[in-house]
C-alpha atoms as a PDB file:
ATOM      1  CA  MET A   1     -10.527  -3.105 -17.770  1.00  0.00           C
ATOM      2  CA  ALA A   2     -13.034  -0.371 -16.749  1.00  0.00           C
ATOM      3  CA  GLN A   3     -10.982   2.800 -16.058  1.00  0.00           C
ATOM      4  CA  ASP A   4     -12.221   6.268 -14.962  1.00  0.00           C
ATOM      5  CA  ASP A   5     -11.711   9.028 -17.428  1.00  0.00           C
ATOM      6  CA  ASP A   6     -11.838  11.604 -14.337  1.00  0.00           C
ATOM      7  CA  ASP A   7      -8.586  10.008 -13.087  1.00  0.00           C
ATOM      8  CA  ASP A   8      -6.885  11.762 -15.961  1.00  0.00           C
ATOM      9  CA  GLU A   9      -7.409  15.133 -14.158  1.00  0.00           C
ATOM     10  CA  LEU A  10      -5.605  13.896 -11.054  1.00  0.00           C
ATOM     11  CA  PHE A  11      -2.504  12.820 -13.202  1.00  0.00           C
ATOM     12  CA  PRO A  12      -2.117  15.068 -16.174  1.00  0.00           C
ATOM     13  CA  GLY A  13       0.430  13.739 -18.618  1.00  0.00           C
ATOM     14  CA  PHE A  14       0.779  10.332 -16.933  1.00  0.00           C
ATOM     15  CA  ALA A  15       0.197   7.341 -19.168  1.00  0.00           C
ATOM     16  CA  ARG A  16      -1.696   4.421 -18.454  1.00  0.00           C
ATOM     17  CA  HIS A  17      -0.253   0.883 -18.418  1.00  0.00           C
ATOM     18  CA  ASP A  18      -1.746  -2.681 -17.906  1.00  0.00           C
ATOM     19  CA  ILE A  19       0.916  -5.118 -17.830  1.00  0.00           C
ATOM     20  CA  GLU A  20       0.452  -8.830 -17.335  1.00  0.00           C
ATOM     21  CA  VAL A  21       2.585  -9.926 -14.518  1.00  0.00           C
ATOM     22  CA  ASP A  22       1.173 -13.599 -13.878  1.00  0.00           C
ATOM     23  CA  ALA A  23      -1.056 -15.933 -15.814  1.00  0.00           C
ATOM     24  CA  GLY A  24      -4.432 -13.975 -16.390  1.00  0.00           C
ATOM     25  CA  VAL A  25      -3.332 -11.302 -13.980  1.00  0.00           C
ATOM     26  CA  ALA A  26      -2.537  -7.580 -15.230  1.00  0.00           C
ATOM     27  CA  ILE A  27      -1.441  -4.825 -13.050  1.00  0.00           C
ATOM     28  CA  HIS A  28      -2.654  -1.205 -13.902  1.00  0.00           C
ATOM     29  CA  ALA A  29      -0.386   1.479 -13.345  1.00  0.00           C
ATOM     30  CA  ARG A  30       0.054   5.327 -14.077  1.00  0.00           C
ATOM     31  CA  VAL A  31       3.790   6.357 -15.499  1.00  0.00           C
ATOM     32  CA  GLY A  32       5.168   9.717 -15.617  1.00  0.00           C
ATOM     33  CA  GLY A  33       8.006  12.082 -14.561  1.00  0.00           C
ATOM     34  CA  ALA A  34      11.755  11.799 -15.266  1.00  0.00           C
ATOM     35  CA  GLY A  35      14.532  10.556 -13.171  1.00  0.00           C
ATOM     36  CA  PRO A  36      15.431   7.339 -11.190  1.00  0.00           C
ATOM     37  CA  PRO A  37      12.614   4.936 -10.765  1.00  0.00           C
ATOM     38  CA  LEU A  38      10.222   5.209  -7.876  1.00  0.00           C
ATOM     39  CA  LEU A  39       7.291   2.778  -7.342  1.00  0.00           C
ATOM     40  CA  LEU A  40       4.177   3.915  -5.425  1.00  0.00           C
ATOM     41  CA  LEU A  41       1.898   1.595  -3.909  1.00  0.00           C
ATOM     42  CA  HIS A  42      -1.581   2.522  -2.185  1.00  0.00           C
ATOM     43  CA  GLY A  43      -3.540   0.920   0.578  1.00  0.00           C
ATOM     44  CA  HIS A  44      -6.892  -0.121   1.602  1.00  0.00           C
ATOM     45  CA  PRO A  45      -9.511   0.723   0.477  1.00  0.00           C
ATOM     46  CA  GLN A  46      -8.041   2.933  -2.189  1.00  0.00           C
ATOM     47  CA  THR A  47      -6.189   3.098  -5.514  1.00  0.00           C
ATOM     48  CA  HIS A  48      -2.990   4.628  -7.009  1.00  0.00           C
ATOM     49  CA  ALA A  49      -5.352   8.033  -6.987  1.00  0.00           C
ATOM     50  CA  ILE A  50      -4.055   8.410  -3.408  1.00  0.00           C
ATOM     51  CA  TRP A  51      -0.811   9.976  -4.592  1.00  0.00           C
ATOM     52  CA  HIS A  52      -2.424  12.841  -6.665  1.00  0.00           C
ATOM     53  CA  ARG A  53      -1.121  15.705  -4.257  1.00  0.00           C
ATOM     54  CA  VAL A  54       2.394  14.379  -4.092  1.00  0.00           C
ATOM     55  CA  ALA A  55       2.987  13.244  -7.416  1.00  0.00           C
ATOM     56  CA  PRO A  56       3.485  16.499  -9.162  1.00  0.00           C
ATOM     57  CA  VAL A  57       6.594  17.332  -6.877  1.00  0.00           C
ATOM     58  CA  LEU A  58       8.027  13.668  -7.006  1.00  0.00           C
ATOM     59  CA  ALA A  59       7.601  13.628 -10.817  1.00  0.00           C
ATOM     60  CA  ARG A  60      10.197  16.458 -11.092  1.00  0.00           C
ATOM     61  CA  HIS A  61      12.718  13.930  -9.616  1.00  0.00           C
ATOM     62  CA  PHE A  62      11.674  10.573 -10.348  1.00  0.00           C
ATOM     63  CA  ARG A  63      10.022   8.240 -12.987  1.00  0.00           C
ATOM     64  CA  LEU A  64       7.239   7.433 -11.006  1.00  0.00           C
ATOM     65  CA  VAL A  65       5.105   4.295 -11.415  1.00  0.00           C
ATOM     66  CA  LEU A  66       1.769   4.370  -9.477  1.00  0.00           C
ATOM     67  CA  ALA A  67       0.369   1.067  -9.220  1.00  0.00           C
ATOM     68  CA  ASP A  68      -2.925  -0.565  -8.344  1.00  0.00           C
ATOM     69  CA  LEU A  69      -2.384  -3.612  -6.078  1.00  0.00           C
ATOM     70  CA  ARG A  70      -3.766  -6.975  -7.390  1.00  0.00           C
ATOM     71  CA  GLY A  71      -7.239  -7.197  -6.163  1.00  0.00           C
ATOM     72  CA  TYR A  72      -7.680  -3.241  -6.308  1.00  0.00           C
ATOM     73  CA  GLY A  73      -8.494  -0.474  -8.590  1.00  0.00           C
ATOM     74  CA  ASP A  74      -8.174  -1.362 -12.237  1.00  0.00           C
ATOM     75  CA  SER A  75      -5.707  -4.218 -11.682  1.00  0.00           C
ATOM     76  CA  SER A  76      -7.036  -7.943 -12.034  1.00  0.00           C
ATOM     77  CA  LYS A  77      -9.120  -9.432  -9.333  1.00  0.00           C
ATOM     78  CA  PRO A  78      -8.575 -13.380  -9.343  1.00  0.00           C
ATOM     79  CA  ALA A  79     -10.606 -15.511  -7.223  1.00  0.00           C
ATOM     80  CA  GLY A  80      -8.797 -16.541  -4.225  1.00  0.00           C
ATOM     81  CA  ALA A  81      -6.872 -19.652  -3.623  1.00  0.00           C
ATOM     82  CA  PRO A  82      -7.876 -22.303  -0.902  1.00  0.00           C
ATOM     83  CA  ASP A  83      -4.938 -20.966   1.308  1.00  0.00           C
ATOM     84  CA  HIS A  84      -5.409 -17.348  -0.085  1.00  0.00           C
ATOM     85  CA  GLY A  85      -1.876 -17.679  -1.211  1.00  0.00           C
ATOM     86  CA  ASN A  86      -2.469 -15.890  -4.437  1.00  0.00           C
ATOM     87  CA  TYR A  87      -2.950 -12.928  -2.462  1.00  0.00           C
ATOM     88  CA  SER A  88      -0.120 -13.155  -0.060  1.00  0.00           C
ATOM     89  CA  LYS A  89       2.297 -10.296  -0.042  1.00  0.00           C
ATOM     90  CA  ARG A  90       4.824 -12.567  -1.396  1.00  0.00           C
ATOM     91  CA  VAL A  91       2.839 -12.835  -4.539  1.00  0.00           C
ATOM     92  CA  MET A  92       1.711  -9.334  -4.676  1.00  0.00           C
ATOM     93  CA  ALA A  93       5.394  -7.998  -4.368  1.00  0.00           C
ATOM     94  CA  ARG A  94       6.404 -10.409  -7.262  1.00  0.00           C
ATOM     95  CA  ASP A  95       3.428  -8.566  -9.205  1.00  0.00           C
ATOM     96  CA  MET A  96       5.445  -5.231  -8.497  1.00  0.00           C
ATOM     97  CA  LEU A  97       9.020  -6.656  -9.170  1.00  0.00           C
ATOM     98  CA  ARG A  98       7.507  -7.946 -12.590  1.00  0.00           C
ATOM     99  CA  LEU A  99       5.699  -4.629 -13.369  1.00  0.00           C
ATOM    100  CA  MET A 100       8.821  -2.766 -12.678  1.00  0.00           C
ATOM    101  CA  GLN A 101      11.100  -4.921 -14.772  1.00  0.00           C
ATOM    102  CA  ALA A 102       8.632  -4.803 -17.650  1.00  0.00           C
ATOM    103  CA  LEU A 103       8.844  -1.215 -17.683  1.00  0.00           C
ATOM    104  CA  GLY A 104      12.864  -1.322 -17.799  1.00  0.00           C
ATOM    105  CA  HIS A 105      13.532  -0.852 -13.951  1.00  0.00           C
ATOM    106  CA  GLN A 106      15.657  -3.395 -12.330  1.00  0.00           C
ATOM    107  CA  ARG A 107      16.345  -1.366  -9.150  1.00  0.00           C
ATOM    108  CA  PHE A 108      14.138   1.183  -7.821  1.00  0.00           C
ATOM    109  CA  ALA A 109      12.999   3.050  -4.551  1.00  0.00           C
ATOM    110  CA  VAL A 110       9.625   2.377  -2.928  1.00  0.00           C
ATOM    111  CA  LEU A 111       6.990   4.823  -1.408  1.00  0.00           C
ATOM    112  CA  ALA A 112       4.107   2.889   0.014  1.00  0.00           C
ATOM    113  CA  HIS A 113       0.995   3.371   2.349  1.00  0.00           C
ATOM    114  CA  ASP A 114      -0.889   1.037   4.367  1.00  0.00           C
ATOM    115  CA  ARG A 115      -1.483  -2.393   2.538  1.00  0.00           C
ATOM    116  CA  GLY A 116       0.913  -1.364  -0.107  1.00  0.00           C
ATOM    117  CA  ALA A 117       3.341  -0.757   2.637  1.00  0.00           C
ATOM    118  CA  ARG A 118       3.048  -4.366   3.604  1.00  0.00           C
ATOM    119  CA  VAL A 119       3.679  -5.505   0.007  1.00  0.00           C
ATOM    120  CA  ALA A 120       6.665  -3.301  -0.235  1.00  0.00           C
ATOM    121  CA  HIS A 121       7.971  -4.679   3.056  1.00  0.00           C
ATOM    122  CA  ARG A 122       7.700  -8.121   1.413  1.00  0.00           C
ATOM    123  CA  LEU A 123       9.212  -6.753  -1.703  1.00  0.00           C
ATOM    124  CA  ALA A 124      12.203  -5.491   0.096  1.00  0.00           C
ATOM    125  CA  ALA A 125      12.483  -8.850   2.123  1.00  0.00           C
ATOM    126  CA  ASP A 126      12.343 -11.220  -0.906  1.00  0.00           C
ATOM    127  CA  HIS A 127      14.006  -8.995  -3.512  1.00  0.00           C
ATOM    128  CA  ALA A 128      16.554  -6.885  -1.736  1.00  0.00           C
ATOM    129  CA  GLY A 129      18.700  -6.464  -4.673  1.00  0.00           C
ATOM    130  CA  ALA A 130      15.671  -4.804  -6.467  1.00  0.00           C
ATOM    131  CA  VAL A 131      14.887  -2.359  -3.789  1.00  0.00           C
ATOM    132  CA  ARG A 132      17.184   0.854  -3.229  1.00  0.00           C
ATOM    133  CA  ARG A 133      15.236   2.660  -0.570  1.00  0.00           C
ATOM    134  CA  LEU A 134      11.873   1.964   1.261  1.00  0.00           C
ATOM    135  CA  VAL A 135       9.397   4.681   2.620  1.00  0.00           C
ATOM    136  CA  LEU A 136       6.661   3.181   4.605  1.00  0.00           C
ATOM    137  CA  LEU A 137       3.465   5.052   5.581  1.00  0.00           C
ATOM    138  CA  ASP A 138       1.512   4.320   8.617  1.00  0.00           C
ATOM    139  CA  ILE A 139       2.179   0.866   9.559  1.00  0.00           C
ATOM    140  CA  ALA A 140       4.094  -1.237  11.747  1.00  0.00           C
ATOM    141  CA  PRO A 141       5.163  -4.931  10.629  1.00  0.00           C
ATOM    142  CA  THR A 142       2.184  -7.073  10.094  1.00  0.00           C
ATOM    143  CA  LEU A 143       3.526  -9.700  12.439  1.00  0.00           C
ATOM    144  CA  ALA A 144       4.145  -7.361  15.377  1.00  0.00           C
ATOM    145  CA  MET A 145       0.507  -5.916  14.926  1.00  0.00           C
ATOM    146  CA  TYR A 146      -1.140  -9.300  14.906  1.00  0.00           C
ATOM    147  CA  GLU A 147       1.015 -10.375  18.034  1.00  0.00           C
ATOM    148  CA  GLN A 148       0.328  -7.377  20.032  1.00  0.00           C
ATOM    149  CA  THR A 149      -3.323  -6.939  19.336  1.00  0.00           C
ATOM    150  CA  SER A 150      -5.165  -5.339  22.147  1.00  0.00           C
ATOM    151  CA  GLU A 151      -8.679  -4.225  22.686  1.00  0.00           C
ATOM    152  CA  ALA A 152      -7.996  -0.764  21.627  1.00  0.00           C
ATOM    153  CA  PHE A 153      -6.499  -2.072  18.208  1.00  0.00           C
ATOM    154  CA  ALA A 154      -9.289  -4.521  17.792  1.00  0.00           C
ATOM    155  CA  ARG A 155     -11.828  -1.721  18.068  1.00  0.00           C
ATOM    156  CA  ALA A 156     -10.000   0.881  15.881  1.00  0.00           C
ATOM    157  CA  TYR A 157      -8.911  -1.458  13.115  1.00  0.00           C
ATOM    158  CA  TRP A 158     -12.183  -3.584  13.146  1.00  0.00           C
ATOM    159  CA  HIS A 159     -12.066  -4.262   9.517  1.00  0.00           C
ATOM    160  CA  TRP A 160      -8.903  -6.326   9.721  1.00  0.00           C
ATOM    161  CA  PHE A 161     -11.258  -8.904  11.568  1.00  0.00           C
ATOM    162  CA  PHE A 162     -14.330  -8.252   9.461  1.00  0.00           C
ATOM    163  CA  LEU A 163     -12.691  -8.823   6.078  1.00  0.00           C
ATOM    164  CA  ILE A 164     -10.932 -12.090   7.084  1.00  0.00           C
ATOM    165  CA  GLN A 165     -14.230 -13.721   7.744  1.00  0.00           C
ATOM    166  CA  PRO A 166     -15.045 -16.881   5.165  1.00  0.00           C
ATOM    167  CA  ALA A 167     -16.411 -15.777   1.774  1.00  0.00           C
ATOM    168  CA  PRO A 168     -18.945 -14.576   0.952  1.00  0.00           C
ATOM    169  CA  LEU A 169     -20.267 -12.922   4.095  1.00  0.00           C
ATOM    170  CA  PRO A 170     -18.041  -9.777   3.964  1.00  0.00           C
ATOM    171  CA  GLU A 171     -17.914  -9.573   0.373  1.00  0.00           C
ATOM    172  CA  ARG A 172     -21.770  -9.614   0.186  1.00  0.00           C
ATOM    173  CA  LEU A 173     -22.200  -6.926   2.771  1.00  0.00           C
ATOM    174  CA  ILE A 174     -19.685  -4.700   0.921  1.00  0.00           C
ATOM    175  CA  GLU A 175     -21.279  -5.345  -2.521  1.00  0.00           C
ATOM    176  CA  ALA A 176     -24.576  -4.391  -1.032  1.00  0.00           C
ATOM    177  CA  ASP A 177     -23.462  -0.581  -0.969  1.00  0.00           C
ATOM    178  CA  PRO A 178     -19.737  -0.028  -2.056  1.00  0.00           C
ATOM    179  CA  ALA A 179     -19.935   3.556  -1.653  1.00  0.00           C
ATOM    180  CA  ALA A 180     -21.246   3.353   1.892  1.00  0.00           C
ATOM    181  CA  TYR A 181     -18.369   1.067   2.636  1.00  0.00           C
ATOM    182  CA  ILE A 182     -15.769   3.529   1.356  1.00  0.00           C
ATOM    183  CA  ARG A 183     -17.194   6.520   3.190  1.00  0.00           C
ATOM    184  CA  ASP A 184     -17.758   4.542   6.377  1.00  0.00           C
ATOM    185  CA  VAL A 185     -14.104   3.205   6.424  1.00  0.00           C
ATOM    186  CA  MET A 186     -12.457   6.283   5.416  1.00  0.00           C
ATOM    187  CA  GLY A 187     -14.641   8.732   7.154  1.00  0.00           C
ATOM    188  CA  ARG A 188     -14.360   7.251  10.373  1.00  0.00           C
ATOM    189  CA  ARG A 189     -10.589   7.915  10.773  1.00  0.00           C
ATOM    190  CA  SER A 190      -9.507  10.878  12.637  1.00  0.00           C
ATOM    191  CA  ALA A 191      -9.983  13.459  10.018  1.00  0.00           C
ATOM    192  CA  GLY A 192     -13.221  12.378   8.531  1.00  0.00           C
ATOM    193  CA  LEU A 193     -13.705  12.853   4.790  1.00  0.00           C
ATOM    194  CA  ALA A 194     -12.656  16.606   4.641  1.00  0.00           C
ATOM    195  CA  PRO A 195      -8.997  15.788   3.450  1.00  0.00           C
ATOM    196  CA  PHE A 196     -10.237  13.876   0.084  1.00  0.00           C
ATOM    197  CA  ASP A 197     -10.547  15.500  -3.175  1.00  0.00           C
ATOM    198  CA  PRO A 198     -13.792  14.687  -4.542  1.00  0.00           C
ATOM    199  CA  ARG A 199     -12.325  13.223  -7.815  1.00  0.00           C
ATOM    200  CA  ALA A 200     -10.129  10.829  -5.764  1.00  0.00           C
ATOM    201  CA  LEU A 201     -13.026   9.939  -3.524  1.00  0.00           C
ATOM    202  CA  ALA A 202     -14.983   9.323  -6.658  1.00  0.00           C
ATOM    203  CA  ALA A 203     -12.286   7.009  -8.002  1.00  0.00           C
ATOM    204  CA  TYR A 204     -12.388   4.735  -4.752  1.00  0.00           C
ATOM    205  CA  ILE A 205     -16.132   4.579  -4.967  1.00  0.00           C
ATOM    206  CA  ARG A 206     -15.848   3.486  -8.568  1.00  0.00           C
ATOM    207  CA  ALA A 207     -13.095   1.131  -7.907  1.00  0.00           C
ATOM    208  CA  ALA A 208     -15.102  -0.566  -5.008  1.00  0.00           C
ATOM    209  CA  GLY A 209     -18.017  -1.178  -7.219  1.00  0.00           C
ATOM    210  CA  LEU A 210     -16.084  -3.136  -9.903  1.00  0.00           C
ATOM    211  CA  PRO A 211     -16.852  -6.743 -10.229  1.00  0.00           C
ATOM    212  CA  GLY A 212     -14.390  -8.706  -7.863  1.00  0.00           C
ATOM    213  CA  SER A 213     -13.141  -5.737  -5.978  1.00  0.00           C
ATOM    214  CA  ALA A 214     -14.866  -6.787  -2.569  1.00  0.00           C
ATOM    215  CA  HIS A 215     -13.467 -10.334  -3.092  1.00  0.00           C
ATOM    216  CA  GLY A 216      -9.972  -9.138  -3.893  1.00  0.00           C
ATOM    217  CA  LEU A 217      -9.624  -6.821  -0.815  1.00  0.00           C
ATOM    218  CA  CYS A 218     -10.995  -9.573   1.345  1.00  0.00           C
ATOM    219  CA  GLU A 219      -8.488 -11.845   0.179  1.00  0.00           C
ATOM    220  CA  ASP A 220      -5.642  -9.386   0.714  1.00  0.00           C
ATOM    221  CA  TYR A 221      -6.638  -9.387   4.395  1.00  0.00           C
ATOM    222  CA  ARG A 222      -7.291 -13.150   4.510  1.00  0.00           C
ATOM    223  CA  ALA A 223      -3.745 -13.669   3.459  1.00  0.00           C
ATOM    224  CA  ALA A 224      -2.305 -11.256   6.037  1.00  0.00           C
ATOM    225  CA  SER A 225      -3.973 -13.133   8.766  1.00  0.00           C
ATOM    226  CA  GLY A 226      -2.494 -16.532   7.530  1.00  0.00           C
ATOM    227  CA  ILE A 227      -0.044 -17.212   4.963  1.00  0.00           C
ATOM    228  CA  ASP A 228       1.637 -13.893   5.321  1.00  0.00           C
ATOM    229  CA  LEU A 229       2.081 -14.487   9.043  1.00  0.00           C
ATOM    230  CA  GLU A 230       3.815 -17.776   8.126  1.00  0.00           C
ATOM    231  CA  HIS A 231       6.207 -16.027   5.693  1.00  0.00           C
ATOM    232  CA  ASP A 232       6.979 -13.430   8.444  1.00  0.00           C
ATOM    233  CA  ARG A 233       7.683 -15.994  11.201  1.00  0.00           C
ATOM    234  CA  ALA A 234      10.051 -17.831   8.562  1.00  0.00           C
ATOM    235  CA  ASP A 235      11.948 -14.855   8.191  1.00  0.00           C
ATOM    236  CA  ARG A 236      12.284 -14.037  11.973  1.00  0.00           C
ATOM    237  CA  ALA A 237      13.437 -17.810  12.467  1.00  0.00           C
ATOM    238  CA  ALA A 238      15.942 -17.142   9.720  1.00  0.00           C
ATOM    239  CA  GLY A 239      17.173 -13.962  11.123  1.00  0.00           C
ATOM    240  CA  LEU A 240      16.325 -12.215   7.873  1.00  0.00           C
ATOM    241  CA  ARG A 241      16.612  -8.271   8.231  1.00  0.00           C
ATOM    242  CA  LEU A 242      16.106  -5.441   5.718  1.00  0.00           C
ATOM    243  CA  ALA A 243      19.403  -3.819   4.915  1.00  0.00           C
ATOM    244  CA  MET A 244      18.350  -1.007   2.538  1.00  0.00           C
ATOM    245  CA  PRO A 245      17.676   2.270   4.201  1.00  0.00           C
ATOM    246  CA  LEU A 246      14.207   2.525   5.511  1.00  0.00           C
ATOM    247  CA  LEU A 247      12.271   5.599   6.405  1.00  0.00           C
ATOM    248  CA  ALA A 248       9.044   4.946   8.455  1.00  0.00           C
ATOM    249  CA  LEU A 249       6.502   7.810   8.926  1.00  0.00           C
ATOM    250  CA  TRP A 250       3.084   7.597  10.598  1.00  0.00           C
ATOM    251  CA  GLY A 251       0.187   9.681  11.621  1.00  0.00           C
ATOM    252  CA  ALA A 252       0.496  11.547  15.158  1.00  0.00           C
ATOM    253  CA  GLU A 253      -3.329  11.242  15.388  1.00  0.00           C
ATOM    254  CA  GLY A 254      -3.551   7.706  14.055  1.00  0.00           C
ATOM    255  CA  VAL A 255      -3.953   3.947  15.466  1.00  0.00           C
ATOM    256  CA  ILE A 256      -0.246   3.031  14.718  1.00  0.00           C
ATOM    257  CA  GLN A 257       0.745   5.916  17.071  1.00  0.00           C
ATOM    258  CA  ARG A 258      -1.828   5.162  19.666  1.00  0.00           C
ATOM    259  CA  CYS A 259      -1.296   1.384  19.990  1.00  0.00           C
ATOM    260  CA  PHE A 260       2.465   0.561  18.872  1.00  0.00           C
ATOM    261  CA  ASP A 261       6.009   1.703  18.970  1.00  0.00           C
ATOM    262  CA  PRO A 262       6.429   1.806  15.225  1.00  0.00           C
ATOM    263  CA  LEU A 263      10.027   2.879  15.013  1.00  0.00           C
ATOM    264  CA  ALA A 264      10.968   0.220  17.621  1.00  0.00           C
ATOM    265  CA  GLU A 265       9.068  -2.407  15.696  1.00  0.00           C
ATOM    266  CA  TRP A 266      11.069  -1.477  12.450  1.00  0.00           C
ATOM    267  CA  ARG A 267      14.352  -1.727  14.258  1.00  0.00           C
ATOM    268  CA  ARG A 268      13.414  -5.331  15.151  1.00  0.00           C
ATOM    269  CA  VAL A 269      13.430  -6.224  11.335  1.00  0.00           C
ATOM    270  CA  ALA A 270      15.645  -3.498   9.696  1.00  0.00           C
ATOM    271  CA  ASP A 271      19.462  -2.609  10.017  1.00  0.00           C
ATOM    272  CA  ASP A 272      18.743   1.101   9.001  1.00  0.00           C
ATOM    273  CA  PRO A 273      15.511   2.352   9.966  1.00  0.00           C
ATOM    274  CA  ARG A 274      14.567   5.964  10.675  1.00  0.00           C
ATOM    275  CA  GLY A 275      11.315   7.848  11.066  1.00  0.00           C
ATOM    276  CA  GLN A 276       8.742   9.932  13.092  1.00  0.00           C
ATOM    277  CA  ALA A 277       5.319  10.672  13.409  1.00  0.00           C
ATOM    278  CA  LEU A 278       3.704  13.397  11.049  1.00  0.00           C
ATOM    279  CA  PRO A 279       0.780  15.853  11.924  1.00  0.00           C
ATOM    280  CA  CYS A 280      -2.032  14.095  10.634  1.00  0.00           C
ATOM    281  CA  GLY A 281      -4.216  10.806  10.682  1.00  0.00           C
ATOM    282  CA  HIS A 282      -3.977   7.634   8.744  1.00  0.00           C
ATOM    283  CA  TYR A 283      -4.115   9.044   5.118  1.00  0.00           C
ATOM    284  CA  ILE A 284      -0.770  10.700   5.042  1.00  0.00           C
ATOM    285  CA  PRO A 285      -0.466  11.450   1.227  1.00  0.00           C
ATOM    286  CA  GLU A 286      -3.837  13.158   1.208  1.00  0.00           C
ATOM    287  CA  GLU A 287      -3.957  14.738   4.589  1.00  0.00           C
ATOM    288  CA  ALA A 288      -0.291  16.058   4.875  1.00  0.00           C
ATOM    289  CA  PRO A 289       1.301  15.844   1.608  1.00  0.00           C
ATOM    290  CA  GLU A 290       3.713  18.883   2.241  1.00  0.00           C
ATOM    291  CA  ALA A 291       4.813  17.022   5.743  1.00  0.00           C
ATOM    292  CA  LEU A 292       5.217  13.931   3.618  1.00  0.00           C
ATOM    293  CA  LEU A 293       7.406  15.443   0.975  1.00  0.00           C
ATOM    294  CA  ALA A 294       9.711  17.368   3.622  1.00  0.00           C
ATOM    295  CA  GLN A 295      10.660  14.088   4.947  1.00  0.00           C
ATOM    296  CA  ALA A 296      10.447  11.554   1.994  1.00  0.00           C
ATOM    297  CA  LEU A 297      11.958  13.768  -0.737  1.00  0.00           C
ATOM    298  CA  PRO A 298      15.330  14.198   1.023  1.00  0.00           C
ATOM    299  CA  PHE A 299      15.498  10.693   1.944  1.00  0.00           C
ATOM    300  CA  LEU A 300      14.609   9.403  -1.315  1.00  0.00           C
ATOM    301  CA  LEU A 301      17.276  11.946  -2.907  1.00  0.00           C
ATOM    302  CA  GLU A 302      20.042  10.706  -0.569  1.00  0.00           C
ATOM    303  CA  PRO A 303      23.110   9.217  -2.530  1.00  0.00           C
ATOM    304  CA  ASP A 304      23.522   5.466  -1.798  1.00  0.00           C
ATOM    305  CA  ALA A 305      26.277   4.202   0.206  1.00  0.00           C
ATOM    306  CA  ARG A 306      29.008   2.685  -1.935  1.00  0.00           C
END
């Protein structure tokens, strides 16, 4: 897989791994630090580079695994199945479970943003014994967000409805200018492009231009609007709830704050949620790394109940 040497500057001392987790599918990850394992998952349209401002502090306490989701970054980007099931959050969560197991970690905490947080939600639901603690950044549960879609939300999260259009329309438009797609999607959020380190922004642009990237991220969203909702509704019908401690953090200047009551929504699906807004927009790890660490680190370091 093509990889960006400049990424080494963002994660000095972190080793690269490409681990096959499914037939023909490898997950790319950076691994570093010492301590109990912590899996970090990015969102759209980014890569594991989103964690570069918090990784040095977290690495003092945890063995970090910074993974690129299936379809993103330097991970594999298989062609989507007719029902988009191979990009379901269930399959993407299984990718991460197998990645962690291959690295020797049977039980671990998860810190995840945006799309990665949706994968983390499914990972905790399907493999509760593997997930010790869960920190989810700037999302409400997917089912709640679709069921409560308003005009304000649809205008702000227009990409949700653009990316789910049948192939190859959105892919063709993204592939026409991947750099513009990255700058427009990220730059139109509340903080613009100012929070992003040029090296991280370059990593996102490079990844968006890799063969199959546009298709991979579209398939992620197509799955979320179909098969993922089926899985979420089945969980609700079965009364499935997340039992592990859960910390939800969101941006006070973002769409989640404006359009939803995120903590109330997490209380509908989890037994032990807590959370609050942070003084930033959507890209919390890059906009407000100190505020994120101030909330997430004590939570992740709390001893588990016996």
